[in-house]
Each structure stands twice: as structure tokens, then as C-alpha cells.
C-alpha atoms as a PDB file:
ATOM      1  CA  MET A   1      13.950  41.635  14.244  1.00  0.00           C
ATOM      2  CA  ASN A   2      13.169  38.508  16.442  1.00  0.00           C
ATOM      3  CA  GLU A   3      11.549  35.387  15.436  1.00  0.00           C
ATOM      4  CA  LYS A   4       8.131  36.206  16.783  1.00  0.00           C
ATOM      5  CA  THR A   5       8.111  39.645  14.951  1.00  0.00           C
ATOM      6  CA  GLU A   6       9.166  37.598  11.615  1.00  0.00           C
ATOM      7  CA  LYS A   7       6.200  35.296  11.905  1.00  0.00           C
ATOM      8  CA  THR A   8       3.794  37.914  12.686  1.00  0.00           C
ATOM      9  CA  GLU A   9       4.798  40.055   9.705  1.00  0.00           C
ATOM     10  CA  LYS A  10       5.260  36.816   7.666  1.00  0.00           C
ATOM     11  CA  HIS A  11       1.347  35.542   8.585  1.00  0.00           C
ATOM     12  CA  GLY A  12      -0.357  38.807   8.714  1.00  0.00           C
ATOM     13  CA  ILE A  13      -1.616  41.240  11.278  1.00  0.00           C
ATOM     14  CA  GLY A  14      -3.205  39.681  14.041  1.00  0.00           C
ATOM     15  CA  THR A  15      -1.191  36.360  13.841  1.00  0.00           C
ATOM     16  CA  ASP A  16       0.872  35.598  17.033  1.00  0.00           C
ATOM     17  CA  ALA A  17       3.529  32.774  16.415  1.00  0.00           C
ATOM     18  CA  TYR A  18       4.566  30.098  18.903  1.00  0.00           C
ATOM     19  CA  GLU A  19       6.732  27.032  18.525  1.00  0.00           C
ATOM     20  CA  VAL A  20       3.773  24.951  19.481  1.00  0.00           C
ATOM     21  CA  VAL A  21      -0.063  25.570  19.376  1.00  0.00           C
ATOM     22  CA  VAL A  22      -2.039  23.116  21.691  1.00  0.00           C
ATOM     23  CA  VAL A  23      -5.716  22.904  20.750  1.00  0.00           C
ATOM     24  CA  GLY A  24      -7.546  21.476  23.920  1.00  0.00           C
ATOM     25  CA  GLY A  25      -7.102  21.884  27.388  1.00  0.00           C
ATOM     26  CA  GLY A  26      -7.747  18.967  29.306  1.00  0.00           C
ATOM     27  CA  ALA A  27      -5.392  16.614  30.771  1.00  0.00           C
ATOM     28  CA  ALA A  28      -3.731  15.637  27.611  1.00  0.00           C
ATOM     29  CA  GLY A  29      -3.277  19.159  26.109  1.00  0.00           C
ATOM     30  CA  LEU A  30      -2.171  20.624  29.658  1.00  0.00           C
ATOM     31  CA  SER A  31       0.367  17.628  30.074  1.00  0.00           C
ATOM     32  CA  ALA A  32       2.043  18.425  26.518  1.00  0.00           C
ATOM     33  CA  ALA A  33       1.989  22.221  27.671  1.00  0.00           C
ATOM     34  CA  LEU A  34       3.825  21.361  30.736  1.00  0.00           C
ATOM     35  CA  VAL A  35       6.603  19.489  29.086  1.00  0.00           C
ATOM     36  CA  LEU A  36       6.798  21.748  26.332  1.00  0.00           C
ATOM     37  CA  GLY A  37       6.635  24.531  28.787  1.00  0.00           C
ATOM     38  CA  ARG A  38       9.472  22.902  30.859  1.00  0.00           C
ATOM     39  CA  ALA A  39      11.533  22.552  27.903  1.00  0.00           C
ATOM     40  CA  ARG A  40      11.804  26.388  27.463  1.00  0.00           C
ATOM     41  CA  ARG A  41       9.357  26.013  24.076  1.00  0.00           C
ATOM     42  CA  ARG A  42       7.099  29.167  23.483  1.00  0.00           C
ATOM     43  CA  THR A  43       3.755  27.541  23.675  1.00  0.00           C
ATOM     44  CA  LEU A  44       0.078  28.404  23.644  1.00  0.00           C
ATOM     45  CA  VAL A  45      -3.009  26.242  24.694  1.00  0.00           C
ATOM     46  CA  VAL A  46      -6.319  27.180  22.971  1.00  0.00           C
ATOM     47  CA  ASP A  47      -9.405  26.216  25.373  1.00  0.00           C
ATOM     48  CA  ALA A  48     -12.692  26.380  24.604  1.00  0.00           C
ATOM     49  CA  GLY A  49     -13.761  24.844  28.278  1.00  0.00           C
ATOM     50  CA  GLU A  50     -15.966  21.941  27.273  1.00  0.00           C
ATOM     51  CA  PRO A  51     -14.398  18.770  29.181  1.00  0.00           C
ATOM     52  CA  ARG A  52     -15.847  15.629  28.258  1.00  0.00           C
ATOM     53  CA  ASN A  53     -15.831  14.794  32.164  1.00  0.00           C
ATOM     54  CA  ALA A  54     -17.871  17.827  33.210  1.00  0.00           C
ATOM     55  CA  PRO A  55     -20.947  15.980  34.505  1.00  0.00           C
ATOM     56  CA  ALA A  56     -18.572  13.987  36.857  1.00  0.00           C
ATOM     57  CA  ALA A  57     -18.057  14.789  40.587  1.00  0.00           C
ATOM     58  CA  HIS A  58     -14.938  13.201  40.859  1.00  0.00           C
ATOM     59  CA  LEU A  59     -12.534  11.468  38.628  1.00  0.00           C
ATOM     60  CA  GLN A  60     -10.954   8.013  39.751  1.00  0.00           C
ATOM     61  CA  GLY A  61      -8.248   5.789  38.937  1.00  0.00           C
ATOM     62  CA  PHE A  62      -5.452   8.314  38.517  1.00  0.00           C
ATOM     63  CA  LEU A  63      -2.925   7.916  41.065  1.00  0.00           C
ATOM     64  CA  SER A  64      -2.343  10.319  43.719  1.00  0.00           C
ATOM     65  CA  ARG A  65      -5.542  11.877  42.393  1.00  0.00           C
ATOM     66  CA  ASP A  66      -8.044   9.444  42.925  1.00  0.00           C
ATOM     67  CA  GLY A  67     -11.313  11.221  44.010  1.00  0.00           C
ATOM     68  CA  MET A  68     -10.254  14.943  42.737  1.00  0.00           C
ATOM     69  CA  PRO A  69     -13.094  17.156  41.182  1.00  0.00           C
ATOM     70  CA  PRO A  70     -12.208  16.970  37.481  1.00  0.00           C
ATOM     71  CA  ALA A  71     -12.222  21.010  37.602  1.00  0.00           C
ATOM     72  CA  GLU A  72      -9.741  20.991  40.147  1.00  0.00           C
ATOM     73  CA  LEU A  73      -7.280  18.966  38.261  1.00  0.00           C
ATOM     74  CA  LEU A  74      -7.806  21.188  35.376  1.00  0.00           C
ATOM     75  CA  ALA A  75      -7.392  24.422  37.335  1.00  0.00           C
ATOM     76  CA  VAL A  76      -3.902  22.891  39.122  1.00  0.00           C
ATOM     77  CA  GLY A  77      -2.883  22.105  35.498  1.00  0.00           C
ATOM     78  CA  ARG A  78      -3.421  25.491  34.477  1.00  0.00           C
ATOM     79  CA  GLU A  79      -1.299  27.228  37.147  1.00  0.00           C
ATOM     80  CA  GLU A  80       1.211  24.616  36.632  1.00  0.00           C
ATOM     81  CA  ILE A  81       1.802  25.399  33.026  1.00  0.00           C
ATOM     82  CA  ALA A  82       1.718  29.524  33.849  1.00  0.00           C
ATOM     83  CA  ARG A  83       4.863  28.613  35.744  1.00  0.00           C
ATOM     84  CA  TYR A  84       6.880  27.944  32.858  1.00  0.00           C
ATOM     85  CA  GLY A  85       5.456  30.584  30.702  1.00  0.00           C
ATOM     86  CA  VAL A  86       2.943  28.824  28.740  1.00  0.00           C
ATOM     87  CA  GLU A  87       0.132  30.909  27.449  1.00  0.00           C
ATOM     88  CA  LEU A  88      -3.630  30.013  27.517  1.00  0.00           C
ATOM     89  CA  VAL A  89      -6.473  31.617  25.661  1.00  0.00           C
ATOM     90  CA  ARG A  90      -9.976  31.038  26.311  1.00  0.00           C
ATOM     91  CA  ASP A  91     -11.409  30.677  22.741  1.00  0.00           C
ATOM     92  CA  ARG A  92     -12.101  27.856  20.128  1.00  0.00           C
ATOM     93  CA  ALA A  93      -9.924  26.787  17.294  1.00  0.00           C
ATOM     94  CA  VAL A  94     -12.321  26.980  13.997  1.00  0.00           C
ATOM     95  CA  ASP A  95     -10.001  26.393  11.397  1.00  0.00           C
ATOM     96  CA  ALA A  96      -6.238  25.295  10.630  1.00  0.00           C
ATOM     97  CA  VAL A  97      -4.171  25.036   7.523  1.00  0.00           C
ATOM     98  CA  ARG A  98      -0.669  24.254   6.944  1.00  0.00           C
ATOM     99  CA  ASP A  99       1.344  26.718   4.904  1.00  0.00           C
ATOM    100  CA  ALA A 100       4.373  26.219   2.448  1.00  0.00           C
ATOM    101  CA  ASP A 101       6.945  25.467   5.072  1.00  0.00           C
ATOM    102  CA  GLY A 102       4.717  22.963   6.781  1.00  0.00           C
ATOM    103  CA  GLU A 103       3.797  24.850   9.673  1.00  0.00           C
ATOM    104  CA  PHE A 104       0.209  25.878  10.969  1.00  0.00           C
ATOM    105  CA  ASP A 105      -2.147  28.763  11.009  1.00  0.00           C
ATOM    106  CA  VAL A 106      -4.868  28.738  13.306  1.00  0.00           C
ATOM    107  CA  THR A 107      -7.963  30.769  13.330  1.00  0.00           C
ATOM    108  CA  LEU A 108      -9.716  31.167  16.662  1.00  0.00           C
ATOM    109  CA  ALA A 109     -13.583  31.918  17.023  1.00  0.00           C
ATOM    110  CA  GLY A 110     -12.849  35.271  18.347  1.00  0.00           C
ATOM    111  CA  GLY A 111     -11.328  36.678  15.135  1.00  0.00           C
ATOM    112  CA  SER A 112      -7.602  36.363  16.192  1.00  0.00           C
ATOM    113  CA  ALA A 113      -5.044  33.638  14.487  1.00  0.00           C
ATOM    114  CA  VAL A 114      -2.151  32.049  15.773  1.00  0.00           C
ATOM    115  CA  HIS A 115       0.864  30.207  14.027  1.00  0.00           C
ATOM    116  CA  GLY A 116       2.539  27.381  15.302  1.00  0.00           C
ATOM    117  CA  ARG A 117       5.520  25.166  14.022  1.00  0.00           C
ATOM    118  CA  HIS A 118       3.923  21.957  15.497  1.00  0.00           C
ATOM    119  CA  LEU A 119       0.410  21.726  16.264  1.00  0.00           C
ATOM    120  CA  VAL A 120      -1.194  19.167  18.670  1.00  0.00           C
ATOM    121  CA  VAL A 121      -4.758  18.446  18.789  1.00  0.00           C
ATOM    122  CA  ALA A 122      -6.143  17.456  22.185  1.00  0.00           C
ATOM    123  CA  THR A 123      -9.704  18.327  21.597  1.00  0.00           C
ATOM    124  CA  GLY A 124     -11.458  14.951  22.853  1.00  0.00           C
ATOM    125  CA  LEU A 125     -14.881  13.830  22.118  1.00  0.00           C
ATOM    126  CA  LYS A 126     -18.298  14.531  23.239  1.00  0.00           C
ATOM    127  CA  ASP A 127     -20.955  11.984  24.485  1.00  0.00           C
ATOM    128  CA  GLU A 128     -24.421  11.843  22.709  1.00  0.00           C
ATOM    129  CA  LEU A 129     -26.921   9.847  24.880  1.00  0.00           C
ATOM    130  CA  PRO A 130     -29.688   8.278  23.839  1.00  0.00           C
ATOM    131  CA  GLY A 131     -32.996  10.648  23.826  1.00  0.00           C
ATOM    132  CA  VAL A 132     -34.681   9.084  27.080  1.00  0.00           C
ATOM    133  CA  PRO A 133     -36.415  11.527  29.254  1.00  0.00           C
ATOM    134  CA  GLY A 134     -34.248  12.086  32.418  1.00  0.00           C
ATOM    135  CA  LEU A 135     -31.143  10.481  31.008  1.00  0.00           C
ATOM    136  CA  ALA A 136     -29.047  13.382  30.466  1.00  0.00           C
ATOM    137  CA  GLU A 137     -29.736  15.124  33.684  1.00  0.00           C
ATOM    138  CA  ARG A 138     -28.490  12.185  35.589  1.00  0.00           C
ATOM    139  CA  PHE A 139     -25.315  11.612  33.624  1.00  0.00           C
ATOM    140  CA  GLY A 140     -22.182  11.505  35.842  1.00  0.00           C
ATOM    141  CA  ARG A 141     -24.396  11.098  38.878  1.00  0.00           C
ATOM    142  CA  ASP A 142     -26.101   7.787  38.818  1.00  0.00           C
ATOM    143  CA  VAL A 143     -26.526   7.221  34.931  1.00  0.00           C
ATOM    144  CA  LEU A 144     -22.959   6.117  34.299  1.00  0.00           C
ATOM    145  CA  HIS A 145     -20.876   4.933  31.489  1.00  0.00           C
ATOM    146  CA  CYS A 146     -17.404   3.574  32.590  1.00  0.00           C
ATOM    147  CA  PRO A 147     -17.291   1.052  35.560  1.00  0.00           C
ATOM    148  CA  TYR A 148     -13.511   1.828  35.840  1.00  0.00           C
ATOM    149  CA  CYS A 149     -14.465   5.482  36.314  1.00  0.00           C
ATOM    150  CA  HIS A 150     -17.791   4.847  38.639  1.00  0.00           C
ATOM    151  CA  GLY A 151     -18.297   1.111  39.446  1.00  0.00           C
ATOM    152  CA  TRP A 152     -16.664   1.438  43.041  1.00  0.00           C
ATOM    153  CA  GLU A 153     -18.953   4.366  43.989  1.00  0.00           C
ATOM    154  CA  VAL A 154     -21.940   2.349  43.073  1.00  0.00           C
ATOM    155  CA  ARG A 155     -20.702  -1.161  44.155  1.00  0.00           C
ATOM    156  CA  ASP A 156     -23.200  -3.860  45.255  1.00  0.00           C
ATOM    157  CA  GLN A 157     -26.344  -1.583  44.097  1.00  0.00           C
ATOM    158  CA  SER A 158     -28.731  -2.798  41.704  1.00  0.00           C
ATOM    159  CA  PHE A 159     -27.733  -2.023  38.200  1.00  0.00           C
ATOM    160  CA  GLY A 160     -29.721  -1.305  34.841  1.00  0.00           C
ATOM    161  CA  VAL A 161     -27.746  -1.323  31.431  1.00  0.00           C
ATOM    162  CA  LEU A 162     -29.591   0.517  28.693  1.00  0.00           C
ATOM    163  CA  ALA A 163     -28.763  -1.621  25.554  1.00  0.00           C
ATOM    164  CA  THR A 164     -28.367   0.815  22.292  1.00  0.00           C
ATOM    165  CA  SER A 165     -25.978  -1.535  20.491  1.00  0.00           C
ATOM    166  CA  ALA A 166     -24.605  -5.385  20.577  1.00  0.00           C
ATOM    167  CA  LEU A 167     -21.895  -3.986  22.393  1.00  0.00           C
ATOM    168  CA  SER A 168     -24.406  -3.406  25.402  1.00  0.00           C
ATOM    169  CA  VAL A 169     -24.000  -7.180  26.199  1.00  0.00           C
ATOM    170  CA  HIS A 170     -20.332  -6.567  26.604  1.00  0.00           C
ATOM    171  CA  GLN A 171     -20.916  -3.782  28.972  1.00  0.00           C
ATOM    172  CA  ALA A 172     -23.643  -5.814  31.255  1.00  0.00           C
ATOM    173  CA  LEU A 173     -21.249  -8.445  31.705  1.00  0.00           C
ATOM    174  CA  MET A 174     -18.406  -6.215  32.577  1.00  0.00           C
ATOM    175  CA  VAL A 175     -20.618  -4.552  34.824  1.00  0.00           C
ATOM    176  CA  THR A 176     -21.299  -7.691  37.069  1.00  0.00           C
ATOM    177  CA  GLN A 177     -17.773  -7.174  38.596  1.00  0.00           C
ATOM    178  CA  TRP A 178     -19.108  -4.450  40.671  1.00  0.00           C
ATOM    179  CA  SER A 179     -22.639  -5.869  41.239  1.00  0.00           C
ATOM    180  CA  LYS A 180     -24.402  -9.230  41.098  1.00  0.00           C
ATOM    181  CA  ASP A 181     -27.837  -7.602  40.542  1.00  0.00           C
ATOM    182  CA  VAL A 182     -27.592  -6.496  36.928  1.00  0.00           C
ATOM    183  CA  THR A 183     -30.573  -6.214  34.594  1.00  0.00           C
ATOM    184  CA  LEU A 184     -30.070  -5.586  30.741  1.00  0.00           C
ATOM    185  CA  PHE A 185     -32.744  -3.571  29.277  1.00  0.00           C
ATOM    186  CA  LEU A 186     -32.738  -4.244  25.623  1.00  0.00           C
ATOM    187  CA  HIS A 187     -34.416  -0.877  24.661  1.00  0.00           C
ATOM    188  CA  GLU A 188     -33.100  -0.361  20.904  1.00  0.00           C
ATOM    189  CA  VAL A 189     -31.782  -3.978  20.789  1.00  0.00           C
ATOM    190  CA  ALA A 190     -34.387  -6.539  19.775  1.00  0.00           C
ATOM    191  CA  GLU A 191     -34.259  -9.859  21.874  1.00  0.00           C
ATOM    192  CA  ALA A 192     -33.957 -11.851  18.512  1.00  0.00           C
ATOM    193  CA  GLU A 193     -30.598 -10.085  17.807  1.00  0.00           C
ATOM    194  CA  LEU A 194     -28.966 -11.578  20.842  1.00  0.00           C
ATOM    195  CA  SER A 195     -26.948 -14.540  19.894  1.00  0.00           C
ATOM    196  CA  ASP A 196     -27.200 -17.841  21.720  1.00  0.00           C
ATOM    197  CA  ASP A 197     -23.685 -17.501  23.017  1.00  0.00           C
ATOM    198  CA  GLU A 198     -24.492 -14.212  24.379  1.00  0.00           C
ATOM    199  CA  LEU A 199     -27.736 -15.318  25.916  1.00  0.00           C
ATOM    200  CA  ARG A 200     -25.868 -18.293  27.346  1.00  0.00           C
ATOM    201  CA  GLY A 201     -23.095 -15.632  28.719  1.00  0.00           C
ATOM    202  CA  LEU A 202     -25.456 -13.335  30.224  1.00  0.00           C
ATOM    203  CA  ALA A 203     -27.572 -16.499  32.037  1.00  0.00           C
ATOM    204  CA  ALA A 204     -24.116 -17.733  33.567  1.00  0.00           C
ATOM    205  CA  ALA A 205     -23.417 -14.108  34.754  1.00  0.00           C
ATOM    206  CA  GLY A 206     -26.867 -14.151  36.406  1.00  0.00           C
ATOM    207  CA  VAL A 207     -27.898 -10.808  34.333  1.00  0.00           C
ATOM    208  CA  ALA A 208     -31.568 -10.535  33.689  1.00  0.00           C
ATOM    209  CA  VAL A 209     -32.845  -9.435  30.153  1.00  0.00           C
ATOM    210  CA  VAL A 210     -35.646  -7.369  29.897  1.00  0.00           C
ATOM    211  CA  PRO A 211     -37.130  -6.721  26.273  1.00  0.00           C
ATOM    212  CA  GLY A 212     -38.875  -3.407  25.323  1.00  0.00           C
ATOM    213  CA  LYS A 213     -38.122   0.260  24.693  1.00  0.00           C
ATOM    214  CA  VAL A 214     -37.354   2.299  27.951  1.00  0.00           C
ATOM    215  CA  ALA A 215     -39.552   5.361  28.073  1.00  0.00           C
ATOM    216  CA  GLU A 216     -38.172   7.558  31.106  1.00  0.00           C
ATOM    217  CA  VAL A 217     -35.639   7.308  33.871  1.00  0.00           C
ATOM    218  CA  VAL A 218     -37.561   7.817  36.988  1.00  0.00           C
ATOM    219  CA  VAL A 219     -36.132   9.980  39.664  1.00  0.00           C
ATOM    220  CA  GLU A 220     -37.468  10.360  43.373  1.00  0.00           C
ATOM    221  CA  ALA A 221     -35.746  12.785  46.075  1.00  0.00           C
ATOM    222  CA  ASP A 222     -32.891  13.786  43.369  1.00  0.00           C
ATOM    223  CA  ARG A 223     -32.097  10.326  43.199  1.00  0.00           C
ATOM    224  CA  LEU A 224     -32.616   7.734  40.296  1.00  0.00           C
ATOM    225  CA  THR A 225     -34.869   4.733  41.467  1.00  0.00           C
ATOM    226  CA  GLY A 226     -35.808   3.017  38.381  1.00  0.00           C
ATOM    227  CA  VAL A 227     -36.912   3.293  34.671  1.00  0.00           C
ATOM    228  CA  ARG A 228     -40.138   2.924  33.225  1.00  0.00           C
ATOM    229  CA  LEU A 229     -40.827   1.046  30.011  1.00  0.00           C
ATOM    230  CA  ALA A 230     -43.009   2.287  27.106  1.00  0.00           C
ATOM    231  CA  ASP A 231     -45.682  -0.258  28.277  1.00  0.00           C
ATOM    232  CA  GLY A 232     -45.812   1.379  31.490  1.00  0.00           C
ATOM    233  CA  THR A 233     -44.106  -1.261  33.677  1.00  0.00           C
ATOM    234  CA  ALA A 234     -41.401   0.222  36.163  1.00  0.00           C
ATOM    235  CA  HIS A 235     -38.219  -1.523  37.022  1.00  0.00           C
ATOM    236  CA  ALA A 236     -36.269  -0.429  40.342  1.00  0.00           C
ATOM    237  CA  ARG A 237     -32.724   0.420  39.729  1.00  0.00           C
ATOM    238  CA  GLU A 238     -30.101   2.402  41.592  1.00  0.00           C
ATOM    239  CA  ALA A 239     -27.677   2.847  38.838  1.00  0.00           C
ATOM    240  CA  LEU A 240     -27.961   2.842  35.113  1.00  0.00           C
ATOM    241  CA  PHE A 241     -25.274   2.230  32.830  1.00  0.00           C
ATOM    242  CA  VAL A 242     -25.451   3.527  29.213  1.00  0.00           C
ATOM    243  CA  ALA A 243     -22.894   3.720  26.267  1.00  0.00           C
ATOM    244  CA  PRO A 244     -23.182   7.166  24.879  1.00  0.00           C
ATOM    245  CA  ARG A 245     -22.569   7.673  21.068  1.00  0.00           C
ATOM    246  CA  ALA A 246     -19.042   9.176  20.857  1.00  0.00           C
ATOM    247  CA  VAL A 247     -18.540  12.049  18.617  1.00  0.00           C
ATOM    248  CA  PRO A 248     -14.638  12.614  17.901  1.00  0.00           C
ATOM    249  CA  ARG A 249     -14.000  16.457  17.898  1.00  0.00           C
ATOM    250  CA  ASN A 250     -11.751  15.721  14.704  1.00  0.00           C
ATOM    251  CA  ASP A 251     -12.540  18.772  12.558  1.00  0.00           C
ATOM    252  CA  LEU A 252      -9.069  20.163  12.609  1.00  0.00           C
ATOM    253  CA  LEU A 253      -7.535  16.837  11.789  1.00  0.00           C
ATOM    254  CA  ARG A 254      -9.954  16.293   8.809  1.00  0.00           C
ATOM    255  CA  ARG A 255      -9.199  20.155   7.428  1.00  0.00           C
ATOM    256  CA  LEU A 256      -5.394  19.291   7.585  1.00  0.00           C
ATOM    257  CA  GLY A 257      -5.827  15.962   6.076  1.00  0.00           C
ATOM    258  CA  ALA A 258      -4.750  13.621   8.538  1.00  0.00           C
ATOM    259  CA  GLU A 259      -5.650   9.866   7.834  1.00  0.00           C
ATOM    260  CA  LEU A 260      -8.186   8.592  10.064  1.00  0.00           C
ATOM    261  CA  ARG A 261      -9.616   5.017  10.883  1.00  0.00           C
ATOM    262  CA  GLU A 262     -12.993   4.280  11.547  1.00  0.00           C
ATOM    263  CA  THR A 263     -13.806   2.233  14.758  1.00  0.00           C
ATOM    264  CA  PRO A 264     -17.496   1.292  16.454  1.00  0.00           C
ATOM    265  CA  PHE A 265     -16.672   4.595  18.252  1.00  0.00           C
ATOM    266  CA  GLY A 266     -16.092   7.011  15.600  1.00  0.00           C
ATOM    267  CA  ALA A 267     -13.032   8.234  13.241  1.00  0.00           C
ATOM    268  CA  TYR A 268      -9.847   8.698  14.819  1.00  0.00           C
ATOM    269  CA  PRO A 269      -6.390   9.583  13.561  1.00  0.00           C
ATOM    270  CA  GLU A 270      -3.739   7.013  12.735  1.00  0.00           C
ATOM    271  CA  THR A 271      -0.430   7.986  14.718  1.00  0.00           C
ATOM    272  CA  ASP A 272       2.374   6.396  15.607  1.00  0.00           C
ATOM    273  CA  GLU A 273       3.375   5.553  19.374  1.00  0.00           C
ATOM    274  CA  ARG A 274       4.260   9.233  19.994  1.00  0.00           C
ATOM    275  CA  GLY A 275       1.189  10.750  18.531  1.00  0.00           C
ATOM    276  CA  LEU A 276       2.229  11.990  15.631  1.00  0.00           C
ATOM    277  CA  THR A 277      -0.502  11.929  12.763  1.00  0.00           C
ATOM    278  CA  SER A 278      -0.226  11.045   8.975  1.00  0.00           C
ATOM    279  CA  VAL A 279       0.516  14.918   8.583  1.00  0.00           C
ATOM    280  CA  PRO A 280       4.152  16.119   9.464  1.00  0.00           C
ATOM    281  CA  GLY A 281       3.949  18.293  12.672  1.00  0.00           C
ATOM    282  CA  LEU A 282       0.494  17.443  13.436  1.00  0.00           C
ATOM    283  CA  TRP A 283      -0.196  15.446  16.677  1.00  0.00           C
ATOM    284  CA  ALA A 284      -2.846  13.796  18.391  1.00  0.00           C
ATOM    285  CA  ALA A 285      -3.503  13.247  22.018  1.00  0.00           C
ATOM    286  CA  GLY A 286      -6.042  12.008  24.724  1.00  0.00           C
ATOM    287  CA  ASN A 287      -9.669  11.152  23.321  1.00  0.00           C
ATOM    288  CA  ALA A 288      -8.611  13.315  19.965  1.00  0.00           C
ATOM    289  CA  SER A 289      -6.589  10.152  19.262  1.00  0.00           C
ATOM    290  CA  GLY A 290      -8.807   7.284  20.552  1.00  0.00           C
ATOM    291  CA  PHE A 291     -12.000   6.378  22.437  1.00  0.00           C
ATOM    292  CA  ALA A 292     -10.449   4.530  25.395  1.00  0.00           C
ATOM    293  CA  GLU A 293      -8.066   7.368  26.759  1.00  0.00           C
ATOM    294  CA  GLN A 294      -9.196   8.147  30.276  1.00  0.00           C
ATOM    295  CA  VAL A 295      -7.909  10.976  32.226  1.00  0.00           C
ATOM    296  CA  VAL A 296      -4.799   9.167  33.555  1.00  0.00           C
ATOM    297  CA  ASN A 297      -3.934   7.845  29.579  1.00  0.00           C
ATOM    298  CA  ALA A 298      -4.350  11.194  28.149  1.00  0.00           C
ATOM    299  CA  ALA A 299      -2.361  12.753  30.484  1.00  0.00           C
ATOM    300  CA  SER A 300       0.527  10.326  29.650  1.00  0.00           C
ATOM    301  CA  ARG A 301      -0.230  10.647  25.928  1.00  0.00           C
ATOM    302  CA  GLY A 302       0.241  14.486  26.219  1.00  0.00           C
ATOM    303  CA  TYR A 303       3.345  14.046  27.948  1.00  0.00           C
ATOM    304  CA  ARG A 304       4.877  11.813  25.252  1.00  0.00           C
ATOM    305  CA  ALA A 305       3.620  13.813  22.429  1.00  0.00           C
ATOM    306  CA  GLY A 306       5.275  16.978  24.173  1.00  0.00           C
ATOM    307  CA  ALA A 307       8.591  15.168  24.755  1.00  0.00           C
ATOM    308  CA  ALA A 308       8.746  14.102  21.198  1.00  0.00           C
ATOM    309  CA  ILE A 309       7.837  17.323  19.825  1.00  0.00           C
ATOM    310  CA  ASN A 310      10.394  19.077  21.897  1.00  0.00           C
ATOM    311  CA  GLY A 311      13.209  16.731  20.426  1.00  0.00           C
ATOM    312  CA  GLU A 312      11.605  17.030  16.753  1.00  0.00           C
ATOM    313  CA  LEU A 313      12.313  20.761  17.171  1.00  0.00           C
ATOM    314  CA  LEU A 314      15.604  20.478  18.585  1.00  0.00           C
ATOM    315  CA  PHE A 315      16.918  18.553  15.865  1.00  0.00           C
ATOM    316  CA  ALA A 316      15.580  20.463  13.193  1.00  0.00           C
ATOM    317  CA  ASP A 317      17.045  23.474  14.325  1.00  0.00           C
ATOM    318  CA  LEU A 318      20.206  21.709  14.428  1.00  0.00           C
ATOM    319  CA  ASP A 319      19.777  20.463  11.137  1.00  0.00           C
ATOM    320  CA  ALA A 320      19.352  24.089   9.747  1.00  0.00           C
ATOM    321  CA  ALA A 321      21.965  25.057  11.611  1.00  0.00           C
ATOM    322  CA  VAL A 322      24.444  22.718  10.298  1.00  0.00           C
ATOM    323  CA  ALA A 323      23.319  23.364   6.974  1.00  0.00           C
ATOM    324  CA  ALA A 324      23.793  27.082   7.202  1.00  0.00           C
ATOM    325  CA  ARG A 325      27.354  26.651   8.382  1.00  0.00           C
ATOM    326  CA  SER A 326      28.031  24.198   5.501  1.00  0.00           C
ATOM    327  CA  GLY A 327      26.749  26.747   2.854  1.00  0.00           C
ATOM    328  CA  THR A 328      28.626  29.614   4.590  1.00  0.00           C
ATOM    329  CA  ALA A 329      31.916  27.238   4.596  1.00  0.00           C
ATOM    330  CA  GLY A 330      31.122  26.687   0.619  1.00  0.00           C
ATOM    331  CA  ALA A 331      30.830  30.529  -0.174  1.00  0.00           C
END
């Protein structure tokens, strides 16, 4: 009886066994799977097909891949992992438990279950935008969140920054590197909430401050042309920056008891430098491990986790073999 059959019988009909199960088929998950496949580990990627950067036409700042459409990067990644025998299933992981052996049973939305000695959570996060009419439809085009991702493409245009928290002042100051025509629309922030230091900083950077709630995004000929306030006044702008509310997809991590840390951008797992959480055998990579993991960083985190997992498996098996030989010798 081979290992796969043994695990399948142990964990029930319909449960398939792998050395590593990776939940999430974005840059982090595919990168981890690529390393593991090349290390000859039987690996499964479970991908629900909901990448965070789907609204963006291109990804930027990834050496040798600058300007590539995100969907193309993922398609190439899926082809690459397949070369090394990594399997991929289009499904959603809805539950996971850790068994008595410290391994993981993962239930999929389609009704099947898979088993992994190690589990990588690379489920990322989703962005929740303020409820301003027209905002969501333009997100990733001329409604933007990250100047490093999109600043070059809209450089020297007239920028607006939609304030949703005190952190929006920082965002307004940051984007002045790409344009000297920046207006901060206070929207959900009262003018009285701005400190004297913040006001002085905005003035020094040349950022105009406009109080009042933004009622809608103005679009003409499929281009953002400005914003309209609740009082009816309109302000011409060519690009609008906003900080969405980050919602980490951390359900599996919570279910498995991983220690989480609260941040201004949501709750993320405590991990070591390799991505190992507080739960042995449970790893986090990409935006599942932190808010600021852009595509190139997510791929790096996935690579690091994959290499570390291979080492963990290798030496665990060696230790088991040594123990078995010692037991035989002592019999």
C-alpha cells in the first residue's frame, strides 16, 4: 500500500493526500508550489480564482514582468507548476482541521476533501471601497490605491485623494512624488481632526484641502473627470487615490488557531521570517501574511515558504528513519 492510499484510507473516502496543500493560486501560492514541485513534493494548489489585482490592467514594479497583465502572469505560473507535477483544482477551501498527527484536512466547497502534511495559506485579502457612486467601476483604472503600482501611469495628472481616515493625509503626501497638483478631499474626515503638523505638511507639499463629503465620481467618455461633493460643487480631477478597507481572508488561519496580530489594515498571522505561523506546519504567504505584500514581494514570500517546507519535510522524514532504525537495532 503506497502513502497516498494509506492517507486516503485513514482520512476517509474522498480525501486525497498530498505532502503540501497550498490554498490560493496567486503569486505567493504559485511561487510556493513551483519551489515544492521542483523539490519533487506532491503538491496541490486550491484556487478560487479571485485575485486581488484582477481590476488592474497591468502589474508594475516586478523586474522582467513590468507591464504584464496580472491574468497573464498567473496563467504562465499555472503552466510552470504543471511541468513539475503540481496539481491545481478550481475550488474554495471552506474549512480546515489539524489532526492528531499534526497534519491538515481541508474541506472544499465542491464537497471533496484533501489532506496535507503541511498547509500554506496564500488567500490574500479583498479591498472594500467606500460607498461612493462610480468609485468601484473605475477602481484599477483611474481610481487607484497604490502610487508604486500606478503612479507612473498617471504622472503629472491632476490627482484627488479621498480621505477615509487619518492615514489619508500620508497618502496625499506620498502621491506628490508623482504630481504637484494634488487635492485632498476630506470626505469622511473632519477638518478639525487634522493636526497643525499635518496641515503644515500638506501646505508645504502644495496639497489643497477641500472639506465636505464626496457624493459621486464624475465620468465622461469613459474617463474620470472629477468628483462632485454633496453640496453640488464639482472639482476637476484626472485620477483619484483612495485607501480601501483591507479585509484579510484569514478564515482558515483563525479556524486552525493561528495567533493573529491586529494592525490598522486588519488582522494578520504572527509568522517567523520564513512564513511559519504559531501552528506547526501552517504557513502564510503573500497578502495573507501582511497588507503591504505587492506581487513581487508575494512571490518572494511564497518562494521562501516553499523552500522552508521542503527542508522541514526532508528532515522530519530523516528523523523518523533514524528513529525506526534505532528501534530495529534495539529490538
